[in-house]
Amino acid sequence: MENGKLTKKNCIRINKRDMEKVNQFKYLGSNVTNNNNISSTINHVINKGKKCNYGLRNLWVSKLLLKGTQGKIYKTLIRTAVLYGCQSWTVMNTDEGKLSVSEKKLLRKFIAQIVSIGNGE
């Protein structure tokens, strides 16, 4: 775009309308790129899961909730936040590995907090 005007180089004509050609855009919370790379989206949702886990840290140490209930909260809130929009992802092996490692880290933190409460620490 030069001086706010579309040029032939950076636009696409659809139904007699000029649309700006972009390298990436956000759709349903996922970054869509022209080369179908979703690594930035994966990193974003992993950070979102970490933030959810941190926000719920008071629930993990609460003696008022049963461990099973805490597990259901984890599955309902954190896992859902991380996997929102995953139906539109084309996942590569490296991205799948990142998601797997991230979930294992979150679960380790989650379980460690529950076990420390069970031991009376």
PDB file of N, CA and C in Angstrom:
ATOM      1  N   MET A   1       0.842  -1.157   0.000  1.00  0.00           N
ATOM      2  CA  MET A   1       0.000   0.000   0.000  1.00  0.00           C
ATOM      3  C   MET A   1       0.896   1.232   0.000  1.00  0.00           C
ATOM      4  N   GLU A   2       0.732   2.101  -0.963  1.00  0.00           N
ATOM      5  CA  GLU A   2       1.512   3.330  -1.046  1.00  0.00           C
ATOM      6  C   GLU A   2       0.616   4.517  -0.766  1.00  0.00           C
ATOM      7  N   ASN A   3       0.960   5.290   0.253  1.00  0.00           N
ATOM      8  CA  ASN A   3       0.188   6.486   0.623  1.00  0.00           C
ATOM      9  C   ASN A   3      -1.300   6.178   0.796  1.00  0.00           C
ATOM     10  N   GLY A   4      -1.630   5.012   1.339  1.00  0.00           N
ATOM     11  CA  GLY A   4      -3.017   4.665   1.594  1.00  0.00           C
ATOM     12  C   GLY A   4      -3.766   4.150   0.378  1.00  0.00           C
ATOM     13  N   LYS A   5      -3.106   4.029  -0.770  1.00  0.00           N
ATOM     14  CA  LYS A   5      -3.773   3.544  -1.976  1.00  0.00           C
ATOM     15  C   LYS A   5      -3.279   2.145  -2.315  1.00  0.00           C
ATOM     16  N   LEU A   6      -4.181   1.324  -2.814  1.00  0.00           N
ATOM     17  CA  LEU A   6      -3.808  -0.019  -3.245  1.00  0.00           C
ATOM     18  C   LEU A   6      -3.127   0.053  -4.603  1.00  0.00           C
ATOM     19  N   THR A   7      -2.076  -0.716  -4.775  1.00  0.00           N
ATOM     20  CA  THR A   7      -1.417  -0.820  -6.072  1.00  0.00           C
ATOM     21  C   THR A   7      -1.692  -2.206  -6.630  1.00  0.00           C
ATOM     22  N   LYS A   8      -1.433  -2.376  -7.912  1.00  0.00           N
ATOM     23  CA  LYS A   8      -1.687  -3.681  -8.533  1.00  0.00           C
ATOM     24  C   LYS A   8      -0.834  -4.774  -7.915  1.00  0.00           C
ATOM     25  N   LYS A   9       0.347  -4.400  -7.406  1.00  0.00           N
ATOM     26  CA  LYS A   9       1.249  -5.371  -6.818  1.00  0.00           C
ATOM     27  C   LYS A   9       0.694  -6.012  -5.551  1.00  0.00           C
ATOM     28  N   ASN A  10       0.042  -5.223  -4.726  1.00  0.00           N
ATOM     29  CA  ASN A  10      -0.362  -5.726  -3.423  1.00  0.00           C
ATOM     30  C   ASN A  10      -1.872  -5.863  -3.273  1.00  0.00           C
ATOM     31  N   CYS A  11      -2.589  -6.097  -4.370  1.00  0.00           N
ATOM     32  CA  CYS A  11      -4.032  -6.280  -4.229  1.00  0.00           C
ATOM     33  C   CYS A  11      -4.527  -7.439  -5.099  1.00  0.00           C
ATOM     34  N   ILE A  12      -5.684  -7.914  -4.726  1.00  0.00           N
ATOM     35  CA  ILE A  12      -6.348  -8.994  -5.446  1.00  0.00           C
ATOM     36  C   ILE A  12      -7.742  -8.496  -5.785  1.00  0.00           C
ATOM     37  N   ARG A  13      -8.196  -8.750  -7.006  1.00  0.00           N
ATOM     38  CA  ARG A  13      -9.527  -8.301  -7.408  1.00  0.00           C
ATOM     39  C   ARG A  13     -10.515  -9.453  -7.244  1.00  0.00           C
ATOM     40  N   ILE A  14     -11.546  -9.211  -6.425  1.00  0.00           N
ATOM     41  CA  ILE A  14     -12.600 -10.191  -6.182  1.00  0.00           C
ATOM     42  C   ILE A  14     -13.930  -9.492  -6.389  1.00  0.00           C
ATOM     43  N   ASN A  15     -14.736 -10.007  -7.338  1.00  0.00           N
ATOM     44  CA  ASN A  15     -16.049  -9.415  -7.630  1.00  0.00           C
ATOM     45  C   ASN A  15     -15.967  -7.904  -7.838  1.00  0.00           C
ATOM     46  N   LYS A  16     -15.041  -7.474  -8.663  1.00  0.00           N
ATOM     47  CA  LYS A  16     -14.842  -6.067  -9.018  1.00  0.00           C
ATOM     48  C   LYS A  16     -14.420  -5.196  -7.842  1.00  0.00           C
ATOM     49  N   ARG A  17     -13.894  -5.810  -6.812  1.00  0.00           N
ATOM     50  CA  ARG A  17     -13.382  -5.073  -5.663  1.00  0.00           C
ATOM     51  C   ARG A  17     -11.917  -5.417  -5.463  1.00  0.00           C
ATOM     52  N   ASP A  18     -11.133  -4.424  -5.137  1.00  0.00           N
ATOM     53  CA  ASP A  18      -9.719  -4.644  -4.845  1.00  0.00           C
ATOM     54  C   ASP A  18      -9.547  -4.937  -3.362  1.00  0.00           C
ATOM     55  N   MET A  19      -8.902  -6.056  -3.082  1.00  0.00           N
ATOM     56  CA  MET A  19      -8.627  -6.454  -1.708  1.00  0.00           C
ATOM     57  C   MET A  19      -7.113  -6.446  -1.518  1.00  0.00           C
ATOM     58  N   GLU A  20      -6.683  -5.950  -0.366  1.00  0.00           N
ATOM     59  CA  GLU A  20      -5.257  -5.889  -0.077  1.00  0.00           C
ATOM     60  C   GLU A  20      -4.711  -7.294   0.175  1.00  0.00           C
ATOM     61  N   LYS A  21      -3.567  -7.588  -0.423  1.00  0.00           N
ATOM     62  CA  LYS A  21      -2.893  -8.869  -0.206  1.00  0.00           C
ATOM     63  C   LYS A  21      -2.006  -8.728   1.037  1.00  0.00           C
ATOM     64  N   VAL A  22      -2.163  -9.637   1.988  1.00  0.00           N
ATOM     65  CA  VAL A  22      -1.374  -9.600   3.218  1.00  0.00           C
ATOM     66  C   VAL A  22      -0.662 -10.935   3.403  1.00  0.00           C
ATOM     67  N   ASN A  23       0.404 -10.912   4.188  1.00  0.00           N
ATOM     68  CA  ASN A  23       1.156 -12.136   4.452  1.00  0.00           C
ATOM     69  C   ASN A  23       0.536 -12.960   5.572  1.00  0.00           C
ATOM     70  N   GLN A  24      -0.162 -12.292   6.481  1.00  0.00           N
ATOM     71  CA  GLN A  24      -0.822 -13.010   7.576  1.00  0.00           C
ATOM     72  C   GLN A  24      -1.993 -12.195   8.087  1.00  0.00           C
ATOM     73  N   PHE A  25      -2.956 -12.904   8.698  1.00  0.00           N
ATOM     74  CA  PHE A  25      -4.096 -12.257   9.336  1.00  0.00           C
ATOM     75  C   PHE A  25      -4.605 -13.167  10.440  1.00  0.00           C
ATOM     76  N   LYS A  26      -5.381 -12.593  11.349  1.00  0.00           N
ATOM     77  CA  LYS A  26      -5.919 -13.355  12.467  1.00  0.00           C
ATOM     78  C   LYS A  26      -7.343 -13.776  12.137  1.00  0.00           C
ATOM     79  N   TYR A  27      -7.643 -15.073  12.275  1.00  0.00           N
ATOM     80  CA  TYR A  27      -8.968 -15.617  12.012  1.00  0.00           C
ATOM     81  C   TYR A  27      -9.338 -16.566  13.138  1.00  0.00           C
ATOM     82  N   LEU A  28     -10.417 -16.277  13.854  1.00  0.00           N
ATOM     83  CA  LEU A  28     -10.879 -17.084  14.978  1.00  0.00           C
ATOM     84  C   LEU A  28      -9.772 -17.321  16.001  1.00  0.00           C
ATOM     85  N   GLY A  29      -8.962 -16.297  16.246  1.00  0.00           N
ATOM     86  CA  GLY A  29      -7.907 -16.393  17.245  1.00  0.00           C
ATOM     87  C   GLY A  29      -6.632 -17.041  16.752  1.00  0.00           C
ATOM     88  N   SER A  30      -6.604 -17.508  15.506  1.00  0.00           N
ATOM     89  CA  SER A  30      -5.407 -18.141  14.953  1.00  0.00           C
ATOM     90  C   SER A  30      -4.784 -17.229  13.911  1.00  0.00           C
ATOM     91  N   ASN A  31      -3.455 -17.180  13.901  1.00  0.00           N
ATOM     92  CA  ASN A  31      -2.753 -16.430  12.870  1.00  0.00           C
ATOM     93  C   ASN A  31      -2.659 -17.293  11.625  1.00  0.00           C
ATOM     94  N   VAL A  32      -3.225 -16.820  10.527  1.00  0.00           N
ATOM     95  CA  VAL A  32      -3.174 -17.537   9.253  1.00  0.00           C
ATOM     96  C   VAL A  32      -2.115 -16.855   8.401  1.00  0.00           C
ATOM     97  N   THR A  33      -1.139 -17.629   7.926  1.00  0.00           N
ATOM     98  CA  THR A  33      -0.062 -17.066   7.116  1.00  0.00           C
ATOM     99  C   THR A  33      -0.159 -17.601   5.693  1.00  0.00           C
ATOM    100  N   ASN A  34       0.548 -16.916   4.797  1.00  0.00           N
ATOM    101  CA  ASN A  34       0.505 -17.341   3.399  1.00  0.00           C
ATOM    102  C   ASN A  34       1.241 -18.657   3.163  1.00  0.00           C
ATOM    103  N   ASN A  35       2.126 -19.064   4.079  1.00  0.00           N
ATOM    104  CA  ASN A  35       2.809 -20.358   3.931  1.00  0.00           C
ATOM    105  C   ASN A  35       2.275 -21.397   4.921  1.00  0.00           C
ATOM    106  N   ASN A  36       1.123 -21.106   5.555  1.00  0.00           N
ATOM    107  CA  ASN A  36       0.423 -22.030   6.451  1.00  0.00           C
ATOM    108  C   ASN A  36       1.258 -22.433   7.666  1.00  0.00           C
ATOM    109  N   ASN A  37       2.062 -21.499   8.181  1.00  0.00           N
ATOM    110  CA  ASN A  37       2.883 -21.739   9.356  1.00  0.00           C
ATOM    111  C   ASN A  37       2.101 -21.296  10.594  1.00  0.00           C
ATOM    112  N   ILE A  38       1.881 -22.199  11.533  1.00  0.00           N
ATOM    113  CA  ILE A  38       1.080 -21.849  12.712  1.00  0.00           C
ATOM    114  C   ILE A  38       1.919 -21.810  13.986  1.00  0.00           C
ATOM    115  N   SER A  39       3.226 -21.746  13.854  1.00  0.00           N
ATOM    116  CA  SER A  39       4.088 -21.732  15.044  1.00  0.00           C
ATOM    117  C   SER A  39       3.781 -20.556  15.958  1.00  0.00           C
ATOM    118  N   SER A  40       3.489 -19.393  15.389  1.00  0.00           N
ATOM    119  CA  SER A  40       3.187 -18.232  16.235  1.00  0.00           C
ATOM    120  C   SER A  40       1.881 -18.461  16.985  1.00  0.00           C
ATOM    121  N   THR A  41       0.913 -19.108  16.354  1.00  0.00           N
ATOM    122  CA  THR A  41      -0.343 -19.423  17.027  1.00  0.00           C
ATOM    123  C   THR A  41      -0.117 -20.431  18.150  1.00  0.00           C
ATOM    124  N   ILE A  42       0.700 -21.437  17.893  1.00  0.00           N
ATOM    125  CA  ILE A  42       1.006 -22.450  18.907  1.00  0.00           C
ATOM    126  C   ILE A  42       1.658 -21.789  20.118  1.00  0.00           C
ATOM    127  N   ASN A  43       2.646 -20.920  19.868  1.00  0.00           N
ATOM    128  CA  ASN A  43       3.306 -20.235  20.979  1.00  0.00           C
ATOM    129  C   ASN A  43       2.328 -19.362  21.748  1.00  0.00           C
ATOM    130  N   HIS A  44       1.407 -18.712  21.036  1.00  0.00           N
ATOM    131  CA  HIS A  44       0.418 -17.856  21.674  1.00  0.00           C
ATOM    132  C   HIS A  44      -0.515 -18.668  22.584  1.00  0.00           C
ATOM    133  N   VAL A  45      -1.000 -19.800  22.106  1.00  0.00           N
ATOM    134  CA  VAL A  45      -1.933 -20.589  22.920  1.00  0.00           C
ATOM    135  C   VAL A  45      -1.222 -21.275  24.087  1.00  0.00           C
ATOM    136  N   ILE A  46       0.048 -21.618  23.925  1.00  0.00           N
ATOM    137  CA  ILE A  46       0.811 -22.182  25.041  1.00  0.00           C
ATOM    138  C   ILE A  46       0.938 -21.144  26.151  1.00  0.00           C
ATOM    139  N   ASN A  47       1.234 -19.908  25.766  1.00  0.00           N
ATOM    140  CA  ASN A  47       1.312 -18.836  26.768  1.00  0.00           C
ATOM    141  C   ASN A  47      -0.044 -18.580  27.411  1.00  0.00           C
ATOM    142  N   LYS A  48      -1.114 -18.710  26.634  1.00  0.00           N
ATOM    143  CA  LYS A  48      -2.460 -18.545  27.178  1.00  0.00           C
ATOM    144  C   LYS A  48      -2.743 -19.618  28.230  1.00  0.00           C
ATOM    145  N   GLY A  49      -2.318 -20.848  27.979  1.00  0.00           N
ATOM    146  CA  GLY A  49      -2.493 -21.929  28.944  1.00  0.00           C
ATOM    147  C   GLY A  49      -1.708 -21.678  30.219  1.00  0.00           C
ATOM    148  N   LYS A  50      -0.486 -21.147  30.078  1.00  0.00           N
ATOM    149  CA  LYS A  50       0.324 -20.822  31.256  1.00  0.00           C
ATOM    150  C   LYS A  50      -0.347 -19.736  32.084  1.00  0.00           C
ATOM    151  N   LYS A  51      -0.917 -18.747  31.408  1.00  0.00           N
ATOM    152  CA  LYS A  51      -1.605 -17.667  32.122  1.00  0.00           C
ATOM    153  C   LYS A  51      -2.844 -18.188  32.848  1.00  0.00           C
ATOM    154  N   CYS A  52      -3.581 -19.082  32.208  1.00  0.00           N
ATOM    155  CA  CYS A  52      -4.755 -19.687  32.861  1.00  0.00           C
ATOM    156  C   CYS A  52      -4.332 -20.467  34.095  1.00  0.00           C
ATOM    157  N   ASN A  53      -3.271 -21.249  33.974  1.00  0.00           N
ATOM    158  CA  ASN A  53      -2.771 -22.039  35.090  1.00  0.00           C
ATOM    159  C   ASN A  53      -2.349 -21.119  36.236  1.00  0.00           C
ATOM    160  N   TYR A  54      -1.672 -20.041  35.907  1.00  0.00           N
ATOM    161  CA  TYR A  54      -1.235 -19.090  36.931  1.00  0.00           C
ATOM    162  C   TYR A  54      -2.438 -18.418  37.586  1.00  0.00           C
ATOM    163  N   GLY A  55      -3.440 -18.079  36.790  1.00  0.00           N
ATOM    164  CA  GLY A  55      -4.635 -17.445  37.326  1.00  0.00           C
ATOM    165  C   GLY A  55      -5.436 -18.347  38.247  1.00  0.00           C
ATOM    166  N   LEU A  56      -5.317 -19.645  38.045  1.00  0.00           N
ATOM    167  CA  LEU A  56      -6.072 -20.606  38.853  1.00  0.00           C
ATOM    168  C   LEU A  56      -5.243 -21.211  39.981  1.00  0.00           C
ATOM    169  N   ARG A  57      -4.063 -20.662  40.221  1.00  0.00           N
ATOM    170  CA  ARG A  57      -3.166 -21.255  41.221  1.00  0.00           C
ATOM    171  C   ARG A  57      -3.808 -21.343  42.606  1.00  0.00           C
ATOM    172  N   ASN A  58      -4.705 -20.414  42.935  1.00  0.00           N
ATOM    173  CA  ASN A  58      -5.372 -20.472  44.243  1.00  0.00           C
ATOM    174  C   ASN A  58      -6.313 -21.677  44.336  1.00  0.00           C
ATOM    175  N   LEU A  59      -6.895 -22.072  43.200  1.00  0.00           N
ATOM    176  CA  LEU A  59      -7.748 -23.267  43.199  1.00  0.00           C
ATOM    177  C   LEU A  59      -6.929 -24.534  43.409  1.00  0.00           C
ATOM    178  N   TRP A  60      -5.719 -24.554  42.851  1.00  0.00           N
ATOM    179  CA  TRP A  60      -4.903 -25.771  42.948  1.00  0.00           C
ATOM    180  C   TRP A  60      -4.463 -26.008  44.389  1.00  0.00           C
ATOM    181  N   VAL A  61      -4.296 -24.956  45.166  1.00  0.00           N
ATOM    182  CA  VAL A  61      -3.845 -25.129  46.551  1.00  0.00           C
ATOM    183  C   VAL A  61      -5.013 -25.150  47.536  1.00  0.00           C
ATOM    184  N   SER A  62      -6.222 -25.002  47.043  1.00  0.00           N
ATOM    185  CA  SER A  62      -7.402 -24.985  47.905  1.00  0.00           C
ATOM    186  C   SER A  62      -7.706 -26.380  48.444  1.00  0.00           C
ATOM    187  N   LYS A  63      -8.000 -26.442  49.734  1.00  0.00           N
ATOM    188  CA  LYS A  63      -8.378 -27.717  50.341  1.00  0.00           C
ATOM    189  C   LYS A  63      -9.880 -27.954  50.234  1.00  0.00           C
ATOM    190  N   LEU A  64     -10.596 -26.969  49.680  1.00  0.00           N
ATOM    191  CA  LEU A  64     -12.049 -27.083  49.564  1.00  0.00           C
ATOM    192  C   LEU A  64     -12.475 -27.928  48.364  1.00  0.00           C
ATOM    193  N   LEU A  65     -11.595 -28.050  47.377  1.00  0.00           N
ATOM    194  CA  LEU A  65     -11.931 -28.809  46.170  1.00  0.00           C
ATOM    195  C   LEU A  65     -11.262 -30.176  46.198  1.00  0.00           C
ATOM    196  N   LEU A  66     -11.989 -31.179  45.780  1.00  0.00           N
ATOM    197  CA  LEU A  66     -11.425 -32.518  45.654  1.00  0.00           C
ATOM    198  C   LEU A  66     -10.464 -32.565  44.475  1.00  0.00           C
ATOM    199  N   LYS A  67      -9.524 -33.487  44.496  1.00  0.00           N
ATOM    200  CA  LYS A  67      -8.548 -33.618  43.415  1.00  0.00           C
ATOM    201  C   LYS A  67      -9.233 -33.891  42.083  1.00  0.00           C
ATOM    202  N   GLY A  68     -10.276 -34.710  42.100  1.00  0.00           N
ATOM    203  CA  GLY A  68     -11.012 -35.010  40.869  1.00  0.00           C
ATOM    204  C   GLY A  68     -11.660 -33.765  40.292  1.00  0.00           C
ATOM    205  N   THR A  69     -12.186 -32.922  41.163  1.00  0.00           N
ATOM    206  CA  THR A  69     -12.803 -31.668  40.715  1.00  0.00           C
ATOM    207  C   THR A  69     -11.749 -30.746  40.126  1.00  0.00           C
ATOM    208  N   GLN A  70     -10.586 -30.698  40.757  1.00  0.00           N
ATOM    209  CA  GLN A  70      -9.499 -29.881  40.232  1.00  0.00           C
ATOM    210  C   GLN A  70      -9.063 -30.375  38.853  1.00  0.00           C
ATOM    211  N   GLY A  71      -9.042 -31.692  38.681  1.00  0.00           N
ATOM    212  CA  GLY A  71      -8.702 -32.262  37.372  1.00  0.00           C
ATOM    213  C   GLY A  71      -9.718 -31.876  36.315  1.00  0.00           C
ATOM    214  N   LYS A  72     -10.999 -31.888  36.690  1.00  0.00           N
ATOM    215  CA  LYS A  72     -12.044 -31.478  35.744  1.00  0.00           C
ATOM    216  C   LYS A  72     -11.920 -30.004  35.394  1.00  0.00           C
ATOM    217  N   ILE A  73     -11.556 -29.187  36.381  1.00  0.00           N
ATOM    218  CA  ILE A  73     -11.349 -27.755  36.121  1.00  0.00           C
ATOM    219  C   ILE A  73     -10.188 -27.575  35.150  1.00  0.00           C
ATOM    220  N   TYR A  74      -9.106 -28.346  35.351  1.00  0.00           N
ATOM    221  CA  TYR A  74      -7.962 -28.277  34.427  1.00  0.00           C
ATOM    222  C   TYR A  74      -8.404 -28.605  33.000  1.00  0.00           C
ATOM    223  N   LYS A  75      -9.118 -29.718  32.856  1.00  0.00           N
ATOM    224  CA  LYS A  75      -9.549 -30.134  31.514  1.00  0.00           C
ATOM    225  C   LYS A  75     -10.504 -29.127  30.889  1.00  0.00           C
ATOM    226  N   THR A  76     -11.387 -28.563  31.706  1.00  0.00           N
ATOM    227  CA  THR A  76     -12.405 -27.661  31.185  1.00  0.00           C
ATOM    228  C   THR A  76     -11.855 -26.287  30.852  1.00  0.00           C
ATOM    229  N   LEU A  77     -11.016 -25.742  31.703  1.00  0.00           N
ATOM    230  CA  LEU A  77     -10.561 -24.364  31.503  1.00  0.00           C
ATOM    231  C   LEU A  77      -9.226 -24.251  30.761  1.00  0.00           C
ATOM    232  N   ILE A  78      -8.224 -24.932  31.253  1.00  0.00           N
ATOM    233  CA  ILE A  78      -6.885 -24.744  30.680  1.00  0.00           C
ATOM    234  C   ILE A  78      -6.758 -25.448  29.332  1.00  0.00           C
ATOM    235  N   ARG A  79      -7.120 -26.710  29.280  1.00  0.00           N
ATOM    236  CA  ARG A  79      -6.991 -27.440  28.020  1.00  0.00           C
ATOM    237  C   ARG A  79      -7.861 -26.813  26.925  1.00  0.00           C
ATOM    238  N   THR A  80      -9.052 -26.360  27.287  1.00  0.00           N
ATOM    239  CA  THR A  80      -9.944 -25.716  26.318  1.00  0.00           C
ATOM    240  C   THR A  80      -9.340 -24.415  25.803  1.00  0.00           C
ATOM    241  N   ALA A  81      -8.722 -23.636  26.704  1.00  0.00           N
ATOM    242  CA  ALA A  81      -8.100 -22.374  26.288  1.00  0.00           C
ATOM    243  C   ALA A  81      -6.958 -22.628  25.317  1.00  0.00           C
ATOM    244  N   VAL A  82      -6.189 -23.676  25.555  1.00  0.00           N
ATOM    245  CA  VAL A  82      -5.049 -23.979  24.682  1.00  0.00           C
ATOM    246  C   VAL A  82      -5.510 -24.508  23.329  1.00  0.00           C
ATOM    247  N   LEU A  83      -6.528 -25.330  23.318  1.00  0.00           N
ATOM    248  CA  LEU A  83      -6.926 -25.984  22.073  1.00  0.00           C
ATOM    249  C   LEU A  83      -8.031 -25.257  21.303  1.00  0.00           C
ATOM    250  N   TYR A  84      -8.419 -24.051  21.745  1.00  0.00           N
ATOM    251  CA  TYR A  84      -9.454 -23.305  21.034  1.00  0.00           C
ATOM    252  C   TYR A  84      -8.996 -23.012  19.601  1.00  0.00           C
ATOM    253  N   GLY A  85      -9.788 -23.357  18.646  1.00  0.00           N
ATOM    254  CA  GLY A  85      -9.485 -23.090  17.243  1.00  0.00           C
ATOM    255  C   GLY A  85      -8.573 -24.107  16.590  1.00  0.00           C
ATOM    256  N   CYS A  86      -8.231 -25.192  17.295  1.00  0.00           N
ATOM    257  CA  CYS A  86      -7.267 -26.146  16.755  1.00  0.00           C
ATOM    258  C   CYS A  86      -7.805 -26.920  15.557  1.00  0.00           C
ATOM    259  N   GLN A  87      -9.120 -26.866  15.322  1.00  0.00           N
ATOM    260  CA  GLN A  87      -9.682 -27.576  14.175  1.00  0.00           C
ATOM    261  C   GLN A  87      -9.152 -27.007  12.861  1.00  0.00           C
ATOM    262  N   SER A  88      -8.749 -25.743  12.874  1.00  0.00           N
ATOM    263  CA  SER A  88      -8.273 -25.111  11.636  1.00  0.00           C
ATOM    264  C   SER A  88      -6.756 -25.171  11.500  1.00  0.00           C
ATOM    265  N   TRP A  89      -6.058 -25.808  12.430  1.00  0.00           N
ATOM    266  CA  TRP A  89      -4.608 -25.872  12.377  1.00  0.00           C
ATOM    267  C   TRP A  89      -4.140 -27.022  11.495  1.00  0.00           C
ATOM    268  N   THR A  90      -3.059 -26.777  10.783  1.00  0.00           N
ATOM    269  CA  THR A  90      -2.330 -27.841  10.104  1.00  0.00           C
ATOM    270  C   THR A  90      -1.071 -28.043  10.928  1.00  0.00           C
ATOM    271  N   VAL A  91      -1.067 -29.064  11.764  1.00  0.00           N
ATOM    272  CA  VAL A  91      -0.017 -29.229  12.765  1.00  0.00           C
ATOM    273  C   VAL A  91       1.144 -30.039  12.203  1.00  0.00           C
ATOM    274  N   MET A  92       2.335 -29.469  12.320  1.00  0.00           N
ATOM    275  CA  MET A  92       3.560 -30.169  11.944  1.00  0.00           C
ATOM    276  C   MET A  92       4.055 -30.950  13.161  1.00  0.00           C
ATOM    277  N   ASN A  93       5.001 -31.839  12.959  1.00  0.00           N
ATOM    278  CA  ASN A  93       5.536 -32.646  14.060  1.00  0.00           C
ATOM    279  C   ASN A  93       6.155 -31.773  15.146  1.00  0.00           C
ATOM    280  N   THR A  94       6.875 -30.715  14.748  1.00  0.00           N
ATOM    281  CA  THR A  94       7.506 -29.842  15.744  1.00  0.00           C
ATOM    282  C   THR A  94       6.446 -29.124  16.582  1.00  0.00           C
ATOM    283  N   ASP A  95       5.353 -28.679  15.927  1.00  0.00           N
ATOM    284  CA  ASP A  95       4.285 -27.997  16.654  1.00  0.00           C
ATOM    285  C   ASP A  95       3.566 -28.963  17.596  1.00  0.00           C
ATOM    286  N   GLU A  96       3.363 -30.186  17.151  1.00  0.00           N
ATOM    287  CA  GLU A  96       2.730 -31.197  17.992  1.00  0.00           C
ATOM    288  C   GLU A  96       3.602 -31.491  19.209  1.00  0.00           C
ATOM    289  N   GLY A  97       4.903 -31.518  18.994  1.00  0.00           N
ATOM    290  CA  GLY A  97       5.841 -31.717  20.097  1.00  0.00           C
ATOM    291  C   GLY A  97       5.778 -30.576  21.107  1.00  0.00           C
ATOM    292  N   LYS A  98       5.695 -29.343  20.601  1.00  0.00           N
ATOM    293  CA  LYS A  98       5.587 -28.177  21.495  1.00  0.00           C
ATOM    294  C   LYS A  98       4.337 -28.269  22.356  1.00  0.00           C
ATOM    295  N   LEU A  99       3.221 -28.636  21.741  1.00  0.00           N
ATOM    296  CA  LEU A  99       1.970 -28.759  22.492  1.00  0.00           C
ATOM    297  C   LEU A  99       2.061 -29.862  23.539  1.00  0.00           C
ATOM    298  N   SER A 100       2.660 -30.981  23.170  1.00  0.00           N
ATOM    299  CA  SER A 100       2.797 -32.109  24.089  1.00  0.00           C
ATOM    300  C   SER A 100       3.682 -31.739  25.285  1.00  0.00           C
ATOM    301  N   VAL A 101       4.814 -31.110  25.002  1.00  0.00           N
ATOM    302  CA  VAL A 101       5.728 -30.701  26.067  1.00  0.00           C
ATOM    303  C   VAL A 101       5.049 -29.696  26.982  1.00  0.00           C
ATOM    304  N   SER A 102       4.339 -28.756  26.389  1.00  0.00           N
ATOM    305  CA  SER A 102       3.646 -27.734  27.175  1.00  0.00           C
ATOM    306  C   SER A 102       2.608 -28.353  28.097  1.00  0.00           C
ATOM    307  N   GLU A 103       1.817 -29.292  27.570  1.00  0.00           N
ATOM    308  CA  GLU A 103       0.798 -29.917  28.406  1.00  0.00           C
ATOM    309  C   GLU A 103       1.436 -30.712  29.543  1.00  0.00           C
ATOM    310  N   LYS A 104       2.528 -31.401  29.259  1.00  0.00           N
ATOM    311  CA  LYS A 104       3.200 -32.171  30.306  1.00  0.00           C
ATOM    312  C   LYS A 104       3.743 -31.252  31.399  1.00  0.00           C
ATOM    313  N   LYS A 105       4.295 -30.084  30.999  1.00  0.00           N
ATOM    314  CA  LYS A 105       4.788 -29.134  31.995  1.00  0.00           C
ATOM    315  C   LYS A 105       3.645 -28.606  32.853  1.00  0.00           C
ATOM    316  N   LEU A 106       2.528 -28.252  32.215  1.00  0.00           N
ATOM    317  CA  LEU A 106       1.380 -27.754  32.964  1.00  0.00           C
ATOM    318  C   LEU A 106       0.847 -28.814  33.924  1.00  0.00           C
ATOM    319  N   LEU A 107       0.774 -30.050  33.450  1.00  0.00           N
ATOM    320  CA  LEU A 107       0.286 -31.128  34.316  1.00  0.00           C
ATOM    321  C   LEU A 107       1.228 -31.396  35.480  1.00  0.00           C
ATOM    322  N   ARG A 108       2.538 -31.317  35.221  1.00  0.00           N
ATOM    323  CA  ARG A 108       3.498 -31.515  36.314  1.00  0.00           C
ATOM    324  C   ARG A 108       3.321 -30.442  37.384  1.00  0.00           C
ATOM    325  N   LYS A 109       3.157 -29.181  36.956  1.00  0.00           N
ATOM    326  CA  LYS A 109       2.937 -28.099  37.920  1.00  0.00           C
ATOM    327  C   LYS A 109       1.633 -28.322  38.673  1.00  0.00           C
ATOM    328  N   PHE A 110       0.610 -28.692  37.935  1.00  0.00           N
ATOM    329  CA  PHE A 110      -0.707 -28.924  38.523  1.00  0.00           C
ATOM    330  C   PHE A 110      -0.647 -30.041  39.555  1.00  0.00           C
ATOM    331  N   ILE A 111      -0.045 -31.161  39.206  1.00  0.00           N
ATOM    332  CA  ILE A 111       0.037 -32.311  40.111  1.00  0.00           C
ATOM    333  C   ILE A 111       0.954 -32.004  41.292  1.00  0.00           C
ATOM    334  N   ALA A 112       2.055 -31.304  41.051  1.00  0.00           N
ATOM    335  CA  ALA A 112       2.973 -30.962  42.143  1.00  0.00           C
ATOM    336  C   ALA A 112       2.279 -30.084  43.175  1.00  0.00           C
ATOM    337  N   GLN A 113       1.447 -29.171  42.730  1.00  0.00           N
ATOM    338  CA  GLN A 113       0.733 -28.308  43.669  1.00  0.00           C
ATOM    339  C   GLN A 113      -0.300 -29.115  44.468  1.00  0.00           C
ATOM    340  N   ILE A 114      -0.955 -30.050  43.835  1.00  0.00           N
ATOM    341  CA  ILE A 114      -1.940 -30.886  44.544  1.00  0.00           C
ATOM    342  C   ILE A 114      -1.227 -31.793  45.551  1.00  0.00           C
ATOM    343  N   VAL A 115      -0.105 -32.403  45.155  1.00  0.00           N
ATOM    344  CA  VAL A 115       0.606 -33.326  46.032  1.00  0.00           C
ATOM    345  C   VAL A 115       1.180 -32.575  47.241  1.00  0.00           C
ATOM    346  N   SER A 116       1.693 -31.357  47.010  1.00  0.00           N
ATOM    347  CA  SER A 116       2.260 -30.605  48.135  1.00  0.00           C
ATOM    348  C   SER A 116       1.180 -30.263  49.153  1.00  0.00           C
ATOM    349  N   ILE A 117      -0.046 -30.031  48.712  1.00  0.00           N
ATOM    350  CA  ILE A 117      -1.148 -29.769  49.633  1.00  0.00           C
ATOM    351  C   ILE A 117      -1.526 -31.050  50.372  1.00  0.00           C
ATOM    352  N   GLY A 118      -1.523 -32.177  49.648  1.00  0.00           N
ATOM    353  CA  GLY A 118      -1.866 -33.453  50.271  1.00  0.00           C
ATOM    354  C   GLY A 118      -0.875 -33.865  51.348  1.00  0.00           C
ATOM    355  N   ASN A 119       0.392 -33.432  51.187  1.00  0.00           N
ATOM    356  CA  ASN A 119       1.414 -33.748  52.172  1.00  0.00           C
ATOM    357  C   ASN A 119       1.438 -32.760  53.334  1.00  0.00           C
ATOM    358  N   GLY A 120       0.582 -31.733  53.261  1.00  0.00           N
ATOM    359  CA  GLY A 120       0.506 -30.764  54.347  1.00  0.00           C
ATOM    360  C   GLY A 120       1.587 -29.705  54.303  1.00  0.00           C
ATOM    361  N   GLU A 121       2.211 -29.502  53.145  1.00  0.00           N
ATOM    362  CA  GLU A 121       3.270 -28.492  53.027  1.00  0.00           C
ATOM    363  C   GLU A 121       2.687 -27.114  52.881  1.00  0.00           C
TER     364      GLU A 121
END
